[in-house]
Amino acid sequence: MKSRPLPAASPPSSTADGKRRVPQPVWRNSSSTPSPGNKVHTLFPFSTAMLSRNQIRQAAIQYLYATSQAPETEQEQDEGIWDILMEPFRGDYCKLRAKAVSGHLTRDYPDKLRLFVTRARETADKLQHDPLTLPVRDQLQDLLVKEGEFNASLLQLKKALHEDPSNDRGTLSAACDASQELNTTLMQMRRRLLDALKDFPAYSSIWAPLISSCHKLQEINDRVNCIIHPDGRPSLAEMKKVVEAGQDADELYREAKTLGEEILRRRDELDAAINATLENYTPERVSAIDRAILRLGAYELLHRKDLPAPIVISEAIRLAERFSSAESPRFINGVLAGISKTERPA
């Protein structure tokens, strides 16, 4: 029987679909101005610090505004709104992940791969005379092919990260997913090869250099794997920013979505409390963004008694200062102070 020739791989380099449109939040679409003097903003960028309640409030406000522009929001459209709102967070996480996978997590991969290719060829040459080792040589060949694919995927990821001026999240995410999928496959293939080598103890001296190279490559792949499965890994500190960014994005989505949906569920009750407090001001005159801020503040005053009223009102004023007109902070303060006086008497 002849073994398949080892691949002559070159040395690795170091170097209108018919769906209904989802309404965009006003501060992500400068052509929309629900109230005079409205400012254009996005959510705060990622930080490795703990996710703040203010960030959750901002996401919930954007969701409430968007749904107010399409009251009969369906499930598909609802998720589309969240895709828009989460884009800044998920985009930052995607870039961090791409930089980690193509950069410091695999920085020594090219050198380690060169050494592995050399040792794999030397090992195959020494075993040509023994037909019993054919399955091992075939496994080794398959592994070299897959190593080449992984190296190419890293180069593609670097290209997507550094040469695409738009840094499109979809392109980066697809390239990163491809690298991580190959990473997982490589880890499994190496384990199978190392297990197969145990069946040939007579060649242990020949296997030794190859096994050493396999372990060094496996360490690199294990680092990349930590992004997917971070728990209990000793190298977690090396990718702390990436892991925390992903966790922050997931937490923001869960918390803001829960908050926004709970407010919508109680919308009639909250609007009744707001309208009862309005003086010389008809409910129809309240802008969509101010209505969203008032609903959030009213919800916290009525149903989050663990939050002190002054803090609830202060945070609502901050939201009005950031997202609404110059007159809005005073208006928001007056309405929520009236609700607090009724619902939380001293």
Protein backbone atom coordinates (compact mmCIF):
# COMPACT_ATOMS: atom_id res chain seq x y z
CA MET A 1 0.00 0.00 0.00
CA LYS A 2 1.17 3.52 -0.79
CA SER A 3 0.49 6.43 1.46
CA ARG A 4 -0.89 9.64 0.05
CA PRO A 5 1.92 12.18 -0.49
CA LEU A 6 2.11 14.92 2.10
CA PRO A 7 0.79 18.21 0.67
CA ALA A 8 3.36 20.57 -0.73
CA ALA A 9 2.08 23.45 1.31
CA SER A 10 4.07 26.65 1.16
CA PRO A 11 5.40 27.97 4.48
CA PRO A 12 2.76 29.94 6.39
CA SER A 13 2.90 33.70 6.22
CA SER A 14 2.98 35.82 9.29
CA THR A 15 1.60 38.46 7.82
CA ALA A 16 -35.55 44.98 -1.31
CA ASP A 17 -36.11 41.49 0.02
CA GLY A 18 -39.74 42.03 0.74
CA LYS A 19 -39.53 42.43 4.48
CA ARG A 20 -41.05 45.41 6.19
CA ARG A 21 -38.58 48.03 7.22
CA VAL A 22 -37.85 48.44 10.88
CA PRO A 23 -38.11 52.02 12.17
CA GLN A 24 -34.72 53.29 13.27
CA PRO A 25 -34.32 55.14 16.57
CA VAL A 26 -34.18 58.87 16.06
CA TRP A 27 -30.63 59.28 17.29
CA ARG A 28 -29.44 56.75 14.73
CA ASN A 29 -31.28 58.46 11.90
CA SER A 30 -30.62 62.19 11.62
CA SER A 31 -33.50 62.69 9.20
CA SER A 32 -36.00 62.00 12.00
CA THR A 33 -36.66 64.68 14.58
CA PRO A 34 -39.51 63.83 16.96
CA SER A 35 -38.92 66.93 19.03
CA PRO A 36 -37.23 70.30 18.43
CA GLY A 37 -33.54 70.42 19.16
CA ASN A 38 -33.25 66.63 19.32
CA LYS A 39 -29.65 65.43 19.43
CA VAL A 40 -28.14 62.57 17.48
CA HIS A 41 -26.49 59.96 19.71
CA THR A 42 -25.67 56.30 19.86
CA LEU A 43 -25.30 54.11 22.91
CA PHE A 44 -22.15 54.38 24.98
CA PRO A 45 -19.31 52.30 23.49
CA PHE A 46 -18.05 49.17 25.17
CA SER A 47 -16.13 49.31 28.37
CA THR A 48 -14.59 46.47 30.31
CA ALA A 49 -16.28 47.91 33.38
CA MET A 50 -19.52 46.42 34.61
CA LEU A 51 -22.51 47.26 32.44
CA SER A 52 -24.27 50.29 33.92
CA ARG A 53 -28.00 50.71 34.50
CA ASN A 54 -27.78 53.91 32.49
CA GLN A 55 -26.75 51.91 29.41
CA ILE A 56 -29.71 49.58 29.96
CA ARG A 57 -32.05 52.58 30.30
CA GLN A 58 -30.75 54.08 27.08
CA ALA A 59 -31.31 50.86 25.13
CA ALA A 60 -34.81 50.51 26.60
CA ILE A 61 -35.62 54.15 25.67
CA GLN A 62 -34.54 53.57 22.08
CA TYR A 63 -36.68 50.43 21.94
CA LEU A 64 -39.72 52.27 23.34
CA TYR A 65 -39.29 55.08 20.83
CA ALA A 66 -38.94 52.65 17.90
CA THR A 67 -42.03 50.69 18.88
CA SER A 68 -44.02 53.92 19.24
CA GLN A 69 -43.41 54.50 15.52
CA ALA A 70 -44.85 51.06 14.71
CA PRO A 71 -47.41 50.24 17.44
CA GLU A 72 -48.38 46.87 15.91
CA THR A 73 -44.87 45.49 16.11
CA GLU A 74 -44.61 41.84 15.10
CA GLN A 75 -42.04 39.42 16.50
CA GLU A 76 -39.81 39.60 13.41
CA GLN A 77 -39.94 43.38 13.37
CA ASP A 78 -39.33 43.51 17.12
CA GLU A 79 -36.12 41.50 16.73
CA GLY A 80 -35.15 43.77 13.86
CA ILE A 81 -35.37 46.75 16.21
CA TRP A 82 -33.06 45.03 18.67
CA ASP A 83 -30.61 44.19 15.89
CA ILE A 84 -30.35 47.91 15.15
CA LEU A 85 -30.04 48.92 18.79
CA MET A 86 -27.37 46.32 19.56
CA GLU A 87 -25.26 47.01 16.48
CA PRO A 88 -22.75 49.35 18.22
CA PHE A 89 -22.19 46.85 21.03
CA ARG A 90 -22.03 43.76 18.86
CA GLY A 91 -19.85 45.58 16.34
CA ASP A 92 -17.30 46.48 19.02
CA TYR A 93 -17.31 42.92 20.35
CA CYS A 94 -16.85 41.55 16.84
CA LYS A 95 -13.80 43.76 16.25
CA LEU A 96 -12.29 42.81 19.58
CA ARG A 97 -12.81 39.13 18.84
CA ALA A 98 -11.31 39.44 15.34
CA LYS A 99 -8.27 41.30 16.66
CA ALA A 100 -7.73 38.70 19.36
CA VAL A 101 -8.07 35.66 17.08
CA SER A 102 -5.91 37.07 14.27
CA GLY A 103 -3.50 38.87 16.58
CA HIS A 104 -2.13 38.11 20.01
CA LEU A 105 -3.87 34.74 20.48
CA THR A 106 -2.20 33.33 17.37
CA ARG A 107 0.89 35.55 17.18
CA ASP A 108 3.28 32.58 17.40
CA TYR A 109 1.26 30.25 15.17
CA PRO A 110 3.27 30.82 11.93
CA ASP A 111 6.59 29.88 13.55
CA LYS A 112 5.12 26.89 15.36
CA LEU A 113 3.46 25.73 12.14
CA ARG A 114 6.69 25.91 10.14
CA LEU A 115 8.36 23.68 12.67
CA PHE A 116 5.43 21.26 12.67
CA VAL A 117 5.46 21.00 8.84
CA THR A 118 9.16 20.20 8.88
CA ARG A 119 8.82 17.54 11.57
CA ALA A 120 5.75 16.02 9.93
CA ARG A 121 7.65 15.51 6.67
CA GLU A 122 10.66 14.08 8.46
CA THR A 123 8.42 11.66 10.37
CA ALA A 124 6.61 10.53 7.22
CA ASP A 125 9.89 9.88 5.42
CA LYS A 126 11.16 7.70 8.29
CA LEU A 127 7.99 5.58 8.28
CA GLN A 128 7.69 4.95 4.53
CA HIS A 129 9.08 1.42 4.91
CA ASP A 130 6.36 0.30 7.36
CA PRO A 131 2.93 -0.23 5.75
CA LEU A 132 1.30 -0.56 9.18
CA THR A 133 1.88 3.14 9.75
CA LEU A 134 -0.15 4.13 6.67
CA PRO A 135 -3.23 5.19 8.71
CA VAL A 136 -1.03 7.45 10.85
CA ARG A 137 0.62 8.99 7.79
CA ASP A 138 -2.79 9.62 6.25
CA GLN A 139 -3.96 11.31 9.45
CA LEU A 140 -0.83 13.42 9.40
CA GLN A 141 -1.49 14.47 5.81
CA ASP A 142 -5.08 15.42 6.62
CA LEU A 143 -3.87 17.42 9.60
CA LEU A 144 -1.37 19.35 7.47
CA VAL A 145 -4.11 20.23 4.99
CA LYS A 146 -6.33 21.49 7.79
CA GLU A 147 -3.45 23.50 9.31
CA GLY A 148 -3.05 25.22 5.94
CA GLU A 149 -6.76 26.06 5.89
CA PHE A 150 -6.56 27.51 9.39
CA ASN A 151 -3.54 29.63 8.48
CA ALA A 152 -5.38 30.92 5.39
CA SER A 153 -8.43 31.75 7.51
CA LEU A 154 -6.28 33.84 9.85
CA LEU A 155 -4.89 35.78 6.90
CA GLN A 156 -8.43 36.31 5.60
CA LEU A 157 -9.51 37.55 9.01
CA LYS A 158 -6.64 40.04 9.12
CA LYS A 159 -7.60 41.24 5.65
CA ALA A 160 -11.24 41.70 6.67
CA LEU A 161 -10.13 43.57 9.79
CA HIS A 162 -7.52 45.88 8.31
CA GLU A 163 -8.31 46.28 4.60
CA ASP A 164 -12.09 46.73 4.76
CA PRO A 165 -12.57 50.46 5.57
CA SER A 166 -16.14 49.87 6.72
CA ASN A 167 -15.15 47.02 9.06
CA ASP A 168 -18.48 45.41 8.22
CA ARG A 169 -19.63 43.35 11.18
CA GLY A 170 -21.10 40.64 8.98
CA THR A 171 -17.82 40.12 7.11
CA LEU A 172 -15.76 40.14 10.29
CA SER A 173 -18.11 37.85 12.11
CA ALA A 174 -18.19 35.33 9.24
CA ALA A 175 -14.39 35.34 8.97
CA CYS A 176 -14.01 34.96 12.72
CA ASP A 177 -16.55 32.13 12.87
CA ALA A 178 -14.71 30.33 10.08
CA SER A 179 -11.41 30.55 11.96
CA GLN A 180 -12.95 29.35 15.20
CA GLU A 181 -14.67 26.43 13.48
CA LEU A 182 -11.36 25.35 11.94
CA ASN A 183 -9.72 25.87 15.32
CA THR A 184 -12.11 23.40 16.93
CA THR A 185 -11.60 20.89 14.10
CA LEU A 186 -7.82 21.09 14.46
CA MET A 187 -7.97 20.41 18.19
CA GLN A 188 -10.04 17.28 17.56
CA MET A 189 -7.80 16.04 14.73
CA ARG A 190 -4.63 16.45 16.79
CA ARG A 191 -6.10 14.53 19.67
CA ARG A 192 -6.99 11.67 17.33
CA LEU A 193 -3.48 11.67 15.87
CA LEU A 194 -1.84 11.63 19.30
CA ASP A 195 -4.06 8.73 20.34
CA ALA A 196 -3.11 6.83 17.18
CA LEU A 197 0.62 7.28 17.86
CA LYS A 198 0.23 5.40 21.15
CA ASP A 199 -0.40 2.22 19.14
CA PHE A 200 3.21 2.29 17.91
CA PRO A 201 5.44 2.37 21.00
CA ALA A 202 8.37 1.08 18.98
CA TYR A 203 8.52 4.40 17.16
CA SER A 204 8.36 6.56 20.29
CA SER A 205 11.73 8.16 19.54
CA ILE A 206 10.49 9.14 16.07
CA TRP A 207 7.21 10.46 17.42
CA ALA A 208 8.78 12.62 20.15
CA PRO A 209 9.60 15.75 18.04
CA LEU A 210 6.24 15.54 16.26
CA ILE A 211 4.33 15.18 19.52
CA SER A 212 6.16 18.19 20.96
CA SER A 213 5.12 20.32 17.95
CA CYS A 214 1.53 19.08 18.24
CA HIS A 215 1.35 20.15 21.88
CA LYS A 216 2.70 23.63 21.07
CA LEU A 217 0.11 24.11 18.32
CA GLN A 218 -2.59 22.75 20.60
CA GLU A 219 -1.75 25.43 23.17
CA ILE A 220 -2.39 28.12 20.56
CA ASN A 221 -5.72 26.60 19.55
CA ASP A 222 -6.68 26.28 23.19
CA ARG A 223 -6.27 30.05 23.60
CA VAL A 224 -8.65 30.69 20.70
CA ASN A 225 -11.07 28.14 22.14
CA CYS A 226 -11.18 30.14 25.38
CA ILE A 227 -13.20 32.84 23.61
CA ILE A 228 -15.94 30.29 23.02
CA HIS A 229 -15.56 28.41 26.31
CA PRO A 230 -13.89 30.82 28.79
CA ASP A 231 -14.85 29.12 32.06
CA GLY A 232 -12.01 27.68 34.07
CA ARG A 233 -9.28 28.41 31.56
CA PRO A 234 -5.94 29.62 32.97
CA SER A 235 -5.30 31.92 30.01
CA LEU A 236 -8.55 33.85 30.49
CA ALA A 237 -6.73 37.03 31.57
CA GLU A 238 -5.17 37.24 28.12
CA MET A 239 -8.56 37.72 26.51
CA LYS A 240 -10.47 39.37 29.35
CA LYS A 241 -11.61 42.33 27.24
CA VAL A 242 -13.01 40.07 24.53
CA VAL A 243 -14.90 37.82 26.94
CA GLU A 244 -16.30 40.73 28.94
CA ALA A 245 -17.35 42.56 25.76
CA GLY A 246 -19.38 39.55 24.66
CA GLN A 247 -20.90 39.13 28.11
CA ASP A 248 -21.79 42.84 28.25
CA ALA A 249 -23.55 42.66 24.88
CA ASP A 250 -25.57 39.62 25.97
CA GLU A 251 -26.44 41.18 29.33
CA LEU A 252 -27.46 44.49 27.77
CA TYR A 253 -29.78 42.71 25.33
CA ARG A 254 -31.43 40.61 28.06
CA GLU A 255 -31.82 43.40 30.61
CA ALA A 256 -32.94 46.15 28.20
CA LYS A 257 -35.34 43.85 26.35
CA THR A 258 -36.91 42.69 29.61
CA LEU A 259 -37.23 46.28 30.84
CA GLY A 260 -38.65 47.58 27.56
CA GLU A 261 -41.20 44.78 27.22
CA GLU A 262 -42.32 45.15 30.83
CA ILE A 263 -42.93 48.86 30.27
CA LEU A 264 -44.95 48.14 27.14
CA ARG A 265 -46.98 45.54 29.01
CA ARG A 266 -47.92 48.21 31.57
CA ARG A 267 -48.25 51.02 29.01
CA ASP A 268 -51.91 51.88 29.74
CA GLU A 269 -51.26 52.09 33.49
CA LEU A 270 -48.15 54.23 33.01
CA ASP A 271 -49.82 56.56 30.52
CA ALA A 272 -52.70 57.07 32.92
CA ALA A 273 -50.29 58.12 35.67
CA ILE A 274 -48.45 60.45 33.28
CA ASN A 275 -51.60 62.04 31.83
CA ALA A 276 -53.05 62.60 35.30
CA THR A 277 -49.99 64.67 36.20
CA LEU A 278 -49.85 66.84 33.07
CA GLU A 279 -50.87 70.44 33.67
CA ASN A 280 -51.71 72.82 30.85
CA TYR A 281 -50.32 70.23 28.46
CA THR A 282 -52.37 67.76 26.41
CA PRO A 283 -50.99 64.21 26.10
CA GLU A 284 -50.90 64.58 22.31
CA ARG A 285 -48.27 67.32 22.61
CA VAL A 286 -45.77 65.04 24.32
CA SER A 287 -43.12 64.00 21.80
CA ALA A 288 -42.41 60.31 21.20
CA ILE A 289 -38.99 60.45 22.87
CA ASP A 290 -40.29 62.35 25.91
CA ARG A 291 -43.15 59.87 26.20
CA ALA A 292 -40.63 57.02 26.20
CA ILE A 293 -38.56 58.66 28.95
CA LEU A 294 -41.67 59.39 31.02
CA ARG A 295 -42.89 55.80 30.70
CA LEU A 296 -39.54 54.52 31.92
CA GLY A 297 -39.49 56.95 34.84
CA ALA A 298 -43.10 56.23 35.75
CA TYR A 299 -42.46 52.49 35.64
CA GLU A 300 -39.52 52.81 38.04
CA LEU A 301 -41.46 55.07 40.39
CA LEU A 302 -44.46 52.74 40.47
CA HIS A 303 -42.83 49.31 40.30
CA ARG A 304 -39.20 49.68 41.36
CA LYS A 305 -39.59 50.85 44.94
CA ASP A 306 -36.00 49.73 45.57
CA LEU A 307 -34.86 52.70 43.46
CA PRO A 308 -35.04 56.03 45.34
CA ALA A 309 -37.33 58.55 43.65
CA PRO A 310 -34.64 61.28 43.42
CA ILE A 311 -32.34 58.88 41.54
CA VAL A 312 -35.12 57.81 39.15
CA ILE A 313 -35.96 61.43 38.37
CA SER A 314 -32.32 62.42 38.05
CA GLU A 315 -31.60 59.60 35.59
CA ALA A 316 -34.66 60.52 33.53
CA ILE A 317 -33.45 64.14 33.36
CA ARG A 318 -30.07 62.89 32.14
CA LEU A 319 -31.77 60.94 29.38
CA ALA A 320 -33.76 64.02 28.36
CA GLU A 321 -30.60 66.14 28.32
CA ARG A 322 -28.87 63.60 26.12
CA PHE A 323 -31.63 62.69 23.71
CA SER A 324 -34.35 65.35 23.67
CA SER A 325 -34.91 69.09 23.35
CA ALA A 326 -33.60 71.87 25.59
CA GLU A 327 -37.00 72.23 27.26
CA SER A 328 -37.45 68.55 27.95
CA PRO A 329 -35.39 68.10 31.15
CA ARG A 330 -37.54 70.63 33.04
CA PHE A 331 -40.72 69.09 31.63
CA ILE A 332 -39.63 65.53 32.53
CA ASN A 333 -38.66 66.66 36.03
CA GLY A 334 -42.04 68.28 36.64
CA VAL A 335 -44.10 65.30 35.47
CA LEU A 336 -42.09 62.66 37.33
CA ALA A 337 -41.97 64.80 40.48
CA GLY A 338 -45.78 64.94 40.35
CA ILE A 339 -46.05 61.16 39.99
CA SER A 340 -43.59 60.68 42.83
CA LYS A 341 -45.59 62.99 45.08
CA THR A 342 -48.73 60.94 44.40
CA GLU A 343 -47.28 57.45 44.38
CA ARG A 344 -44.51 57.87 46.95
CA PRO A 345 -45.77 60.37 49.52
CA ALA A 346 -43.22 61.27 52.17
